[in-house]
């Protein structure tokens, strides 16, 4: 559910940037942009909120289980153990950690639109 929400947000944010950069209809940029409708298929901010809610729920579920919390704590303290030899993330194979890490990267950037 979290991955699906993230992909929806990324798609909507890219649609907004595409509409802006390619001089598409102002209506398209307005619908997908920050002032668009807070409904499915509307503003990227709606999708960001939906993704945020899904990440919070995932984190709560993780805190209830001991092994999940231990893994997240370990990878947070030793992020190098999640890096492959090429430098990419995901070596640990934890989709929970991957989704939480990606959410934190967006939160730290304070710029959700690429």
PDB file of N, CA and C in Angstrom:
ATOM      1  N   UNK A   1       0.814  -1.195   0.000  1.00  0.00           N
ATOM      2  CA  UNK A   1       0.000   0.000   0.000  1.00  0.00           C
ATOM      3  C   UNK A   1       0.857   1.258   0.000  1.00  0.00           C
ATOM      4  N   UNK A   2       1.966   1.237   0.750  1.00  0.00           N
ATOM      5  CA  UNK A   2       2.838   2.409   0.823  1.00  0.00           C
ATOM      6  C   UNK A   2       3.528   2.630  -0.519  1.00  0.00           C
ATOM      7  N   UNK A   3       4.006   1.559  -1.116  1.00  0.00           N
ATOM      8  CA  UNK A   3       4.685   1.690  -2.402  1.00  0.00           C
ATOM      9  C   UNK A   3       3.731   2.234  -3.462  1.00  0.00           C
ATOM     10  N   UNK A   4       2.503   1.735  -3.460  1.00  0.00           N
ATOM     11  CA  UNK A   4       1.517   2.204  -4.427  1.00  0.00           C
ATOM     12  C   UNK A   4       1.247   3.703  -4.229  1.00  0.00           C
ATOM     13  N   UNK A   5       1.118   4.131  -2.971  1.00  0.00           N
ATOM     14  CA  UNK A   5       0.876   5.547  -2.683  1.00  0.00           C
ATOM     15  C   UNK A   5       2.068   6.401  -3.117  1.00  0.00           C
ATOM     16  N   UNK A   6       3.286   5.893  -2.893  1.00  0.00           N
ATOM     17  CA  UNK A   6       4.480   6.637  -3.311  1.00  0.00           C
ATOM     18  C   UNK A   6       4.532   6.776  -4.826  1.00  0.00           C
ATOM     19  N   UNK A   7       4.259   5.701  -5.527  1.00  0.00           N
ATOM     20  CA  UNK A   7       4.293   5.741  -6.989  1.00  0.00           C
ATOM     21  C   UNK A   7       3.225   6.681  -7.546  1.00  0.00           C
ATOM     22  N   UNK A   8       2.057   6.705  -6.911  1.00  0.00           N
ATOM     23  CA  UNK A   8       0.996   7.638  -7.326  1.00  0.00           C
ATOM     24  C   UNK A   8       1.446   9.088  -7.127  1.00  0.00           C
ATOM     25  N   UNK A   9       2.070   9.360  -5.987  1.00  0.00           N
ATOM     26  CA  UNK A   9       2.570  10.709  -5.725  1.00  0.00           C
ATOM     27  C   UNK A   9       3.634  11.100  -6.753  1.00  0.00           C
ATOM     28  N   UNK A  10       4.597  10.204  -6.995  1.00  0.00           N
ATOM     29  CA  UNK A  10       5.656  10.504  -7.952  1.00  0.00           C
ATOM     30  C   UNK A  10       5.084  10.759  -9.346  1.00  0.00           C
ATOM     31  N   UNK A  11       4.090   9.966  -9.728  1.00  0.00           N
ATOM     32  CA  UNK A  11       3.464  10.149 -11.040  1.00  0.00           C
ATOM     33  C   UNK A  11       2.768  11.505 -11.126  1.00  0.00           C
ATOM     34  N   UNK A  12       2.036  11.859 -10.079  1.00  0.00           N
ATOM     35  CA  UNK A  12       1.306  13.129 -10.083  1.00  0.00           C
ATOM     36  C   UNK A  12       2.279  14.311 -10.076  1.00  0.00           C
ATOM     37  N   UNK A  13       3.355  14.224  -9.296  1.00  0.00           N
ATOM     38  CA  UNK A  13       4.349  15.296  -9.264  1.00  0.00           C
ATOM     39  C   UNK A  13       5.023  15.440 -10.628  1.00  0.00           C
ATOM     40  N   UNK A  14       5.314  14.327 -11.278  1.00  0.00           N
ATOM     41  CA  UNK A  14       5.924  14.384 -12.610  1.00  0.00           C
ATOM     42  C   UNK A  14       4.939  14.938 -13.641  1.00  0.00           C
ATOM     43  N   UNK A  15       3.676  14.586 -13.519  1.00  0.00           N
ATOM     44  CA  UNK A  15       2.659  15.144 -14.417  1.00  0.00           C
ATOM     45  C   UNK A  15       2.599  16.666 -14.286  1.00  0.00           C
ATOM     46  N   UNK A  16       2.677  17.144 -13.055  1.00  0.00           N
ATOM     47  CA  UNK A  16       2.648  18.586 -12.802  1.00  0.00           C
ATOM     48  C   UNK A  16       3.869  19.264 -13.438  1.00  0.00           C
ATOM     49  N   UNK A  17       5.064  18.704 -13.197  1.00  0.00           N
ATOM     50  CA  UNK A  17       6.286  19.295 -13.752  1.00  0.00           C
ATOM     51  C   UNK A  17       6.265  19.251 -15.280  1.00  0.00           C
ATOM     52  N   UNK A  18       5.762  18.159 -15.831  1.00  0.00           N
ATOM     53  CA  UNK A  18       5.666  18.027 -17.285  1.00  0.00           C
ATOM     54  C   UNK A  18       4.749  19.115 -17.852  1.00  0.00           C
ATOM     55  N   UNK A  19       3.604  19.302 -17.214  1.00  0.00           N
ATOM     56  CA  UNK A  19       2.650  20.312 -17.673  1.00  0.00           C
ATOM     57  C   UNK A  19       3.275  21.706 -17.616  1.00  0.00           C
ATOM     58  N   UNK A  20       4.054  21.973 -16.581  1.00  0.00           N
ATOM     59  CA  UNK A  20       4.718  23.272 -16.448  1.00  0.00           C
ATOM     60  C   UNK A  20       5.813  23.460 -17.499  1.00  0.00           C
ATOM     61  N   UNK A  21       6.668  22.472 -17.625  1.00  0.00           N
ATOM     62  CA  UNK A  21       7.839  22.600 -18.481  1.00  0.00           C
ATOM     63  C   UNK A  21       7.509  22.549 -19.974  1.00  0.00           C
ATOM     64  N   UNK A  22       6.483  21.822 -20.336  1.00  0.00           N
ATOM     65  CA  UNK A  22       6.159  21.659 -21.749  1.00  0.00           C
ATOM     66  C   UNK A  22       5.075  22.634 -22.212  1.00  0.00           C
ATOM     67  N   UNK A  23       4.761  23.617 -21.388  1.00  0.00           N
ATOM     68  CA  UNK A  23       3.749  24.626 -21.723  1.00  0.00           C
ATOM     69  C   UNK A  23       2.425  23.994 -22.148  1.00  0.00           C
ATOM     70  N   UNK A  24       2.020  23.013 -21.380  1.00  0.00           N
ATOM     71  CA  UNK A  24       0.719  22.391 -21.639  1.00  0.00           C
ATOM     72  C   UNK A  24      -0.382  23.321 -21.161  1.00  0.00           C
ATOM     73  N   UNK A  25      -1.581  22.911 -21.339  1.00  0.00           N
ATOM     74  CA  UNK A  25      -2.735  23.709 -20.941  1.00  0.00           C
ATOM     75  C   UNK A  25      -2.587  24.188 -19.497  1.00  0.00           C
ATOM     76  N   UNK A  26      -2.843  25.469 -19.241  1.00  0.00           N
ATOM     77  CA  UNK A  26      -2.781  25.951 -17.852  1.00  0.00           C
ATOM     78  C   UNK A  26      -3.733  25.176 -16.939  1.00  0.00           C
ATOM     79  N   UNK A  27      -4.815  24.690 -17.487  1.00  0.00           N
ATOM     80  CA  UNK A  27      -5.758  23.899 -16.698  1.00  0.00           C
ATOM     81  C   UNK A  27      -5.083  22.636 -16.174  1.00  0.00           C
ATOM     82  N   UNK A  28      -4.262  21.997 -17.010  1.00  0.00           N
ATOM     83  CA  UNK A  28      -3.566  20.784 -16.603  1.00  0.00           C
ATOM     84  C   UNK A  28      -2.612  21.065 -15.446  1.00  0.00           C
ATOM     85  N   UNK A  29      -1.853  22.149 -15.563  1.00  0.00           N
ATOM     86  CA  UNK A  29      -0.930  22.515 -14.489  1.00  0.00           C
ATOM     87  C   UNK A  29      -1.691  22.902 -13.221  1.00  0.00           C
ATOM     88  N   UNK A  30      -2.829  23.559 -13.380  1.00  0.00           N
ATOM     89  CA  UNK A  30      -3.618  23.950 -12.209  1.00  0.00           C
ATOM     90  C   UNK A  30      -4.209  22.740 -11.503  1.00  0.00           C
ATOM     91  N   UNK A  31      -4.674  21.759 -12.259  1.00  0.00           N
ATOM     92  CA  UNK A  31      -5.292  20.572 -11.654  1.00  0.00           C
ATOM     93  C   UNK A  31      -4.257  19.754 -10.901  1.00  0.00           C
ATOM     94  N   UNK A  32      -3.087  19.545 -11.496  1.00  0.00           N
ATOM     95  CA  UNK A  32      -2.054  18.717 -10.866  1.00  0.00           C
ATOM     96  C   UNK A  32      -1.217  19.487  -9.861  1.00  0.00           C
ATOM     97  N   UNK A  33      -1.253  20.806  -9.905  1.00  0.00           N
ATOM     98  CA  UNK A  33      -0.398  21.642  -9.075  1.00  0.00           C
ATOM     99  C   UNK A  33      -0.871  21.771  -7.640  1.00  0.00           C
ATOM    100  N   UNK A  34      -0.200  22.627  -6.888  1.00  0.00           N
ATOM    101  CA  UNK A  34      -0.487  22.757  -5.456  1.00  0.00           C
ATOM    102  C   UNK A  34      -1.870  23.320  -5.151  1.00  0.00           C
ATOM    103  N   UNK A  35      -2.471  24.006  -6.120  1.00  0.00           N
ATOM    104  CA  UNK A  35      -3.796  24.581  -5.875  1.00  0.00           C
ATOM    105  C   UNK A  35      -4.911  23.756  -6.502  1.00  0.00           C
ATOM    106  N   UNK A  36      -4.551  22.574  -6.995  1.00  0.00           N
ATOM    107  CA  UNK A  36      -5.537  21.695  -7.620  1.00  0.00           C
ATOM    108  C   UNK A  36      -6.453  21.063  -6.585  1.00  0.00           C
ATOM    109  N   UNK A  37      -7.445  20.318  -7.045  1.00  0.00           N
ATOM    110  CA  UNK A  37      -8.397  19.704  -6.123  1.00  0.00           C
ATOM    111  C   UNK A  37      -7.739  18.637  -5.242  1.00  0.00           C
ATOM    112  N   UNK A  38      -8.120  18.613  -3.997  1.00  0.00           N
ATOM    113  CA  UNK A  38      -7.595  17.624  -3.053  1.00  0.00           C
ATOM    114  C   UNK A  38      -8.440  16.355  -3.141  1.00  0.00           C
ATOM    115  N   UNK A  39      -8.397  15.750  -4.310  1.00  0.00           N
ATOM    116  CA  UNK A  39      -9.143  14.538  -4.624  1.00  0.00           C
ATOM    117  C   UNK A  39      -8.251  13.605  -5.422  1.00  0.00           C
ATOM    118  N   UNK A  40      -8.583  12.313  -5.469  1.00  0.00           N
ATOM    119  CA  UNK A  40      -7.803  11.422  -6.337  1.00  0.00           C
ATOM    120  C   UNK A  40      -7.805  11.959  -7.768  1.00  0.00           C
ATOM    121  N   UNK A  41      -6.627  11.961  -8.392  1.00  0.00           N
ATOM    122  CA  UNK A  41      -6.515  12.485  -9.739  1.00  0.00           C
ATOM    123  C   UNK A  41      -6.282  13.981  -9.792  1.00  0.00           C
ATOM    124  N   UNK A  42      -6.181  14.610  -8.627  1.00  0.00           N
ATOM    125  CA  UNK A  42      -5.990  16.056  -8.569  1.00  0.00           C
ATOM    126  C   UNK A  42      -4.573  16.425  -8.198  1.00  0.00           C
ATOM    127  N   UNK A  43      -4.436  17.319  -7.253  1.00  0.00           N
ATOM    128  CA  UNK A  43      -3.159  17.894  -6.863  1.00  0.00           C
ATOM    129  C   UNK A  43      -2.155  16.848  -6.370  1.00  0.00           C
ATOM    130  N   UNK A  44      -0.881  17.120  -6.658  1.00  0.00           N
ATOM    131  CA  UNK A  44       0.169  16.247  -6.138  1.00  0.00           C
ATOM    132  C   UNK A  44       0.222  16.325  -4.610  1.00  0.00           C
ATOM    133  N   UNK A  45      -0.254  17.424  -4.032  1.00  0.00           N
ATOM    134  CA  UNK A  45      -0.273  17.533  -2.567  1.00  0.00           C
ATOM    135  C   UNK A  45      -1.254  16.549  -1.941  1.00  0.00           C
ATOM    136  N   UNK A  46      -2.353  16.262  -2.642  1.00  0.00           N
ATOM    137  CA  UNK A  46      -3.289  15.244  -2.159  1.00  0.00           C
ATOM    138  C   UNK A  46      -2.585  13.891  -2.115  1.00  0.00           C
ATOM    139  N   UNK A  47      -1.857  13.571  -3.182  1.00  0.00           N
ATOM    140  CA  UNK A  47      -1.145  12.294  -3.231  1.00  0.00           C
ATOM    141  C   UNK A  47      -0.034  12.242  -2.190  1.00  0.00           C
ATOM    142  N   UNK A  48       0.619  13.378  -1.949  1.00  0.00           N
ATOM    143  CA  UNK A  48       1.658  13.435  -0.921  1.00  0.00           C
ATOM    144  C   UNK A  48       1.061  13.134   0.449  1.00  0.00           C
ATOM    145  N   UNK A  49      -0.093  13.695   0.733  1.00  0.00           N
ATOM    146  CA  UNK A  49      -0.764  13.447   2.016  1.00  0.00           C
ATOM    147  C   UNK A  49      -1.173  11.976   2.150  1.00  0.00           C
ATOM    148  N   UNK A  50      -1.671  11.420   1.066  1.00  0.00           N
ATOM    149  CA  UNK A  50      -2.066  10.007   1.050  1.00  0.00           C
ATOM    150  C   UNK A  50      -0.846   9.117   1.319  1.00  0.00           C
ATOM    151  N   UNK A  51       0.279   9.439   0.697  1.00  0.00           N
ATOM    152  CA  UNK A  51       1.513   8.688   0.911  1.00  0.00           C
ATOM    153  C   UNK A  51       1.989   8.843   2.352  1.00  0.00           C
ATOM    154  N   UNK A  52       1.929  10.054   2.862  1.00  0.00           N
ATOM    155  CA  UNK A  52       2.345  10.318   4.235  1.00  0.00           C
ATOM    156  C   UNK A  52       1.526   9.490   5.228  1.00  0.00           C
ATOM    157  N   UNK A  53       0.224   9.445   5.028  1.00  0.00           N
ATOM    158  CA  UNK A  53      -0.640   8.648   5.905  1.00  0.00           C
ATOM    159  C   UNK A  53      -0.268   7.164   5.843  1.00  0.00           C
ATOM    160  N   UNK A  54       0.030   6.672   4.644  1.00  0.00           N
ATOM    161  CA  UNK A  54       0.403   5.265   4.484  1.00  0.00           C
ATOM    162  C   UNK A  54       1.731   4.966   5.179  1.00  0.00           C
ATOM    163  N   UNK A  55       2.686   5.901   5.106  1.00  0.00           N
ATOM    164  CA  UNK A  55       3.985   5.712   5.763  1.00  0.00           C
ATOM    165  C   UNK A  55       3.814   5.711   7.283  1.00  0.00           C
ATOM    166  N   UNK A  56       2.990   6.606   7.802  1.00  0.00           N
ATOM    167  CA  UNK A  56       2.742   6.649   9.252  1.00  0.00           C
ATOM    168  C   UNK A  56       2.117   5.331   9.714  1.00  0.00           C
ATOM    169  N   UNK A  57       1.167   4.813   8.961  1.00  0.00           N
ATOM    170  CA  UNK A  57       0.550   3.530   9.321  1.00  0.00           C
ATOM    171  C   UNK A  57       1.567   2.394   9.279  1.00  0.00           C
ATOM    172  N   UNK A  58       2.435   2.389   8.264  1.00  0.00           N
ATOM    173  CA  UNK A  58       3.478   1.366   8.172  1.00  0.00           C
ATOM    174  C   UNK A  58       4.408   1.447   9.374  1.00  0.00           C
ATOM    175  N   UNK A  59       4.801   2.648   9.737  1.00  0.00           N
ATOM    176  CA  UNK A  59       5.698   2.830  10.887  1.00  0.00           C
ATOM    177  C   UNK A  59       5.038   2.345  12.176  1.00  0.00           C
ATOM    178  N   UNK A  60       3.763   2.645  12.349  1.00  0.00           N
ATOM    179  CA  UNK A  60       3.047   2.174  13.545  1.00  0.00           C
ATOM    180  C   UNK A  60       3.003   0.655  13.595  1.00  0.00           C
ATOM    181  N   UNK A  61       2.712   0.031  12.462  1.00  0.00           N
ATOM    182  CA  UNK A  61       2.686  -1.431  12.414  1.00  0.00           C
ATOM    183  C   UNK A  61       4.055  -2.015  12.710  1.00  0.00           C
ATOM    184  N   UNK A  62       5.080  -1.352  12.213  1.00  0.00           N
ATOM    185  CA  UNK A  62       6.444  -1.818  12.449  1.00  0.00           C
ATOM    186  C   UNK A  62       6.805  -1.734  13.933  1.00  0.00           C
ATOM    187  N   UNK A  63       6.357  -0.677  14.589  1.00  0.00           N
ATOM    188  CA  UNK A  63       6.666  -0.517  16.016  1.00  0.00           C
ATOM    189  C   UNK A  63       6.003  -1.594  16.875  1.00  0.00           C
ATOM    190  N   UNK A  64       4.899  -2.151  16.389  1.00  0.00           N
ATOM    191  CA  UNK A  64       4.205  -3.204  17.138  1.00  0.00           C
ATOM    192  C   UNK A  64       4.955  -4.529  17.102  1.00  0.00           C
ATOM    193  N   UNK A  65       5.726  -4.754  16.032  1.00  0.00           N
ATOM    194  CA  UNK A  65       6.456  -6.011  15.897  1.00  0.00           C
ATOM    195  C   UNK A  65       7.914  -5.831  16.267  1.00  0.00           C
ATOM    196  N   UNK A  66       8.462  -6.728  17.059  1.00  0.00           N
ATOM    197  CA  UNK A  66       9.834  -6.598  17.540  1.00  0.00           C
ATOM    198  C   UNK A  66      10.886  -6.714  16.465  1.00  0.00           C
ATOM    199  N   UNK A  67      10.768  -7.674  15.562  1.00  0.00           N
ATOM    200  CA  UNK A  67      11.812  -7.889  14.560  1.00  0.00           C
ATOM    201  C   UNK A  67      11.868  -6.740  13.560  1.00  0.00           C
ATOM    202  N   UNK A  68      10.732  -6.192  13.212  1.00  0.00           N
ATOM    203  CA  UNK A  68      10.706  -5.070  12.274  1.00  0.00           C
ATOM    204  C   UNK A  68      11.419  -3.869  12.881  1.00  0.00           C
ATOM    205  N   UNK A  69      11.132  -3.576  14.118  1.00  0.00           N
ATOM    206  CA  UNK A  69      11.759  -2.452  14.795  1.00  0.00           C
ATOM    207  C   UNK A  69      13.267  -2.651  14.888  1.00  0.00           C
ATOM    208  N   UNK A  70      13.686  -3.868  15.202  1.00  0.00           N
ATOM    209  CA  UNK A  70      15.123  -4.159  15.303  1.00  0.00           C
ATOM    210  C   UNK A  70      15.826  -3.948  13.970  1.00  0.00           C
ATOM    211  N   UNK A  71      15.210  -4.415  12.884  1.00  0.00           N
ATOM    212  CA  UNK A  71      15.807  -4.254  11.564  1.00  0.00           C
ATOM    213  C   UNK A  71      15.910  -2.782  11.188  1.00  0.00           C
ATOM    214  N   UNK A  72      14.837  -2.035  11.394  1.00  0.00           N
ATOM    215  CA  UNK A  72      14.837  -0.608  11.049  1.00  0.00           C
ATOM    216  C   UNK A  72      15.891   0.136  11.875  1.00  0.00           C
ATOM    217  N   UNK A  73      15.961  -0.150  13.158  1.00  0.00           N
ATOM    218  CA  UNK A  73      16.964   0.503  14.014  1.00  0.00           C
ATOM    219  C   UNK A  73      18.381   0.172  13.553  1.00  0.00           C
ATOM    220  N   UNK A  74      18.611  -1.097  13.215  1.00  0.00           N
ATOM    221  CA  UNK A  74      19.942  -1.502  12.772  1.00  0.00           C
ATOM    222  C   UNK A  74      20.321  -0.782  11.475  1.00  0.00           C
ATOM    223  N   UNK A  75      19.418  -0.783  10.502  1.00  0.00           N
ATOM    224  CA  UNK A  75      19.720  -0.156   9.217  1.00  0.00           C
ATOM    225  C   UNK A  75      19.819   1.368   9.334  1.00  0.00           C
ATOM    226  N   UNK A  76      19.097   1.942  10.262  1.00  0.00           N
ATOM    227  CA  UNK A  76      19.223   3.387  10.490  1.00  0.00           C
ATOM    228  C   UNK A  76      20.614   3.704  11.046  1.00  0.00           C
ATOM    229  N   UNK A  77      21.117   2.849  11.938  1.00  0.00           N
ATOM    230  CA  UNK A  77      22.441   3.062  12.521  1.00  0.00           C
ATOM    231  C   UNK A  77      23.581   2.652  11.582  1.00  0.00           C
ATOM    232  N   UNK A  78      23.304   1.722  10.663  1.00  0.00           N
ATOM    233  CA  UNK A  78      24.321   1.206   9.743  1.00  0.00           C
ATOM    234  C   UNK A  78      23.792   1.231   8.308  1.00  0.00           C
ATOM    235  N   UNK A  79      23.547   2.415   7.745  1.00  0.00           N
ATOM    236  CA  UNK A  79      22.966   2.488   6.402  1.00  0.00           C
ATOM    237  C   UNK A  79      23.856   1.880   5.323  1.00  0.00           C
ATOM    238  N   UNK A  80      25.148   1.792   5.592  1.00  0.00           N
ATOM    239  CA  UNK A  80      26.059   1.203   4.608  1.00  0.00           C
ATOM    240  C   UNK A  80      25.745  -0.272   4.351  1.00  0.00           C
ATOM    241  N   UNK A  81      25.104  -0.941   5.300  1.00  0.00           N
ATOM    242  CA  UNK A  81      24.747  -2.350   5.122  1.00  0.00           C
ATOM    243  C   UNK A  81      23.592  -2.539   4.142  1.00  0.00           C
ATOM    244  N   UNK A  82      22.954  -1.451   3.754  1.00  0.00           N
ATOM    245  CA  UNK A  82      21.861  -1.522   2.779  1.00  0.00           C
ATOM    246  C   UNK A  82      22.343  -1.105   1.388  1.00  0.00           C
ATOM    247  N   UNK A  83      23.611  -0.777   1.251  1.00  0.00           N
ATOM    248  CA  UNK A  83      24.156  -0.334  -0.043  1.00  0.00           C
ATOM    249  C   UNK A  83      24.824  -1.501  -0.766  1.00  0.00           C
ATOM    250  N   UNK A  84      24.554  -1.559  -2.054  1.00  0.00           N
ATOM    251  CA  UNK A  84      25.195  -2.575  -2.883  1.00  0.00           C
ATOM    252  C   UNK A  84      26.584  -2.091  -3.286  1.00  0.00           C
ATOM    253  N   UNK A  85      27.332  -2.941  -3.963  1.00  0.00           N
ATOM    254  CA  UNK A  85      28.686  -2.560  -4.368  1.00  0.00           C
ATOM    255  C   UNK A  85      28.665  -1.391  -5.353  1.00  0.00           C
ATOM    256  N   UNK A  86      27.567  -1.237  -6.085  1.00  0.00           N
ATOM    257  CA  UNK A  86      27.436  -0.115  -7.018  1.00  0.00           C
ATOM    258  C   UNK A  86      26.997   1.174  -6.349  1.00  0.00           C
ATOM    259  N   UNK A  87      26.678   1.120  -5.066  1.00  0.00           N
ATOM    260  CA  UNK A  87      26.282   2.318  -4.327  1.00  0.00           C
ATOM    261  C   UNK A  87      24.785   2.501  -4.181  1.00  0.00           C
ATOM    262  N   UNK A  88      23.993   1.651  -4.826  1.00  0.00           N
ATOM    263  CA  UNK A  88      22.540   1.771  -4.731  1.00  0.00           C
ATOM    264  C   UNK A  88      22.002   1.181  -3.442  1.00  0.00           C
ATOM    265  N   UNK A  89      20.804   1.581  -3.107  1.00  0.00           N
ATOM    266  CA  UNK A  89      20.155   1.072  -1.898  1.00  0.00           C
ATOM    267  C   UNK A  89      19.411  -0.226  -2.202  1.00  0.00           C
ATOM    268  N   UNK A  90      19.064  -0.948  -1.159  1.00  0.00           N
ATOM    269  CA  UNK A  90      18.227  -2.130  -1.307  1.00  0.00           C
ATOM    270  C   UNK A  90      18.928  -3.452  -1.105  1.00  0.00           C
ATOM    271  N   UNK A  91      20.192  -3.434  -0.759  1.00  0.00           N
ATOM    272  CA  UNK A  91      20.934  -4.683  -0.568  1.00  0.00           C
ATOM    273  C   UNK A  91      20.320  -5.540   0.537  1.00  0.00           C
ATOM    274  N   UNK A  92      19.809  -4.886   1.585  1.00  0.00           N
ATOM    275  CA  UNK A  92      19.222  -5.633   2.704  1.00  0.00           C
ATOM    276  C   UNK A  92      17.936  -6.347   2.291  1.00  0.00           C
ATOM    277  N   UNK A  93      17.284  -5.874   1.251  1.00  0.00           N
ATOM    278  CA  UNK A  93      16.076  -6.528   0.762  1.00  0.00           C
ATOM    279  C   UNK A  93      14.827  -6.239   1.575  1.00  0.00           C
ATOM    280  N   UNK A  94      14.865  -5.213   2.414  1.00  0.00           N
ATOM    281  CA  UNK A  94      13.713  -4.877   3.247  1.00  0.00           C
ATOM    282  C   UNK A  94      12.872  -3.806   2.556  1.00  0.00           C
ATOM    283  N   UNK A  95      11.686  -4.191   2.117  1.00  0.00           N
ATOM    284  CA  UNK A  95      10.813  -3.209   1.477  1.00  0.00           C
ATOM    285  C   UNK A  95      10.284  -2.200   2.491  1.00  0.00           C
ATOM    286  N   UNK A  96      10.151  -2.608   3.735  1.00  0.00           N
ATOM    287  CA  UNK A  96       9.708  -1.680   4.784  1.00  0.00           C
ATOM    288  C   UNK A  96      10.748  -0.577   4.956  1.00  0.00           C
ATOM    289  N   UNK A  97      12.015  -0.973   5.095  1.00  0.00           N
ATOM    290  CA  UNK A  97      13.077   0.018   5.259  1.00  0.00           C
ATOM    291  C   UNK A  97      13.184   0.905   4.023  1.00  0.00           C
ATOM    292  N   UNK A  98      13.051   0.315   2.853  1.00  0.00           N
ATOM    293  CA  UNK A  98      13.148   1.082   1.610  1.00  0.00           C
ATOM    294  C   UNK A  98      12.085   2.174   1.563  1.00  0.00           C
ATOM    295  N   UNK A  99      10.847   1.829   1.887  1.00  0.00           N
ATOM    296  CA  UNK A  99       9.773   2.827   1.832  1.00  0.00           C
ATOM    297  C   UNK A  99       9.960   3.911   2.897  1.00  0.00           C
ATOM    298  N   UNK A 100      10.376   3.522   4.095  1.00  0.00           N
ATOM    299  CA  UNK A 100      10.613   4.519   5.141  1.00  0.00           C
ATOM    300  C   UNK A 100      11.785   5.426   4.759  1.00  0.00           C
ATOM    301  N   UNK A 101      12.833   4.858   4.177  1.00  0.00           N
ATOM    302  CA  UNK A 101      13.997   5.645   3.750  1.00  0.00           C
ATOM    303  C   UNK A 101      13.609   6.656   2.675  1.00  0.00           C
ATOM    304  N   UNK A 102      12.826   6.219   1.687  1.00  0.00           N
ATOM    305  CA  UNK A 102      12.418   7.126   0.619  1.00  0.00           C
ATOM    306  C   UNK A 102      11.542   8.255   1.152  1.00  0.00           C
ATOM    307  N   UNK A 103      10.673   7.945   2.098  1.00  0.00           N
ATOM    308  CA  UNK A 103       9.826   8.981   2.693  1.00  0.00           C
ATOM    309  C   UNK A 103      10.683   9.996   3.460  1.00  0.00           C
ATOM    310  N   UNK A 104      11.672   9.505   4.163  1.00  0.00           N
ATOM    311  CA  UNK A 104      12.558  10.402   4.916  1.00  0.00           C
ATOM    312  C   UNK A 104      13.373  11.287   3.982  1.00  0.00           C
ATOM    313  N   UNK A 105      13.790  10.751   2.834  1.00  0.00           N
ATOM    314  CA  UNK A 105      14.543  11.561   1.874  1.00  0.00           C
ATOM    315  C   UNK A 105      13.701  12.722   1.362  1.00  0.00           C
ATOM    316  N   UNK A 106      12.441  12.472   1.069  1.00  0.00           N
ATOM    317  CA  UNK A 106      11.557  13.545   0.611  1.00  0.00           C
ATOM    318  C   UNK A 106      11.336  14.546   1.740  1.00  0.00           C
ATOM    319  N   UNK A 107      11.140  14.044   2.955  1.00  0.00           N
ATOM    320  CA  UNK A 107      10.941  14.927   4.100  1.00  0.00           C
ATOM    321  C   UNK A 107      12.148  15.815   4.371  1.00  0.00           C
ATOM    322  N   UNK A 108      13.339  15.256   4.233  1.00  0.00           N
ATOM    323  CA  UNK A 108      14.560  16.045   4.455  1.00  0.00           C
ATOM    324  C   UNK A 108      14.769  17.081   3.358  1.00  0.00           C
ATOM    325  N   UNK A 109      14.364  16.755   2.140  1.00  0.00           N
ATOM    326  CA  UNK A 109      14.607  17.674   1.031  1.00  0.00           C
ATOM    327  C   UNK A 109      13.716  18.908   1.123  1.00  0.00           C
ATOM    328  N   UNK A 110      12.564  18.757   1.749  1.00  0.00           N
ATOM    329  CA  UNK A 110      11.574  19.836   1.872  1.00  0.00           C
ATOM    330  C   UNK A 110      11.145  20.346   0.497  1.00  0.00           C
ATOM    331  N   UNK A 111      11.385  19.536  -0.539  1.00  0.00           N
ATOM    332  CA  UNK A 111      10.999  19.895  -1.906  1.00  0.00           C
ATOM    333  C   UNK A 111      10.430  18.633  -2.556  1.00  0.00           C
ATOM    334  N   UNK A 112       9.155  18.359  -2.341  1.00  0.00           N
ATOM    335  CA  UNK A 112       8.609  17.096  -2.811  1.00  0.00           C
ATOM    336  C   UNK A 112       8.482  16.965  -4.326  1.00  0.00           C
ATOM    337  N   UNK A 113       8.509  18.069  -5.042  1.00  0.00           N
ATOM    338  CA  UNK A 113       8.375  17.977  -6.494  1.00  0.00           C
ATOM    339  C   UNK A 113       9.760  17.944  -7.113  1.00  0.00           C
ATOM    340  N   UNK A 114      10.064  16.868  -7.873  1.00  0.00           N
ATOM    341  CA  UNK A 114      11.402  16.749  -8.463  1.00  0.00           C
ATOM    342  C   UNK A 114      11.681  17.852  -9.477  1.00  0.00           C
TER     343      UNK A 114
END
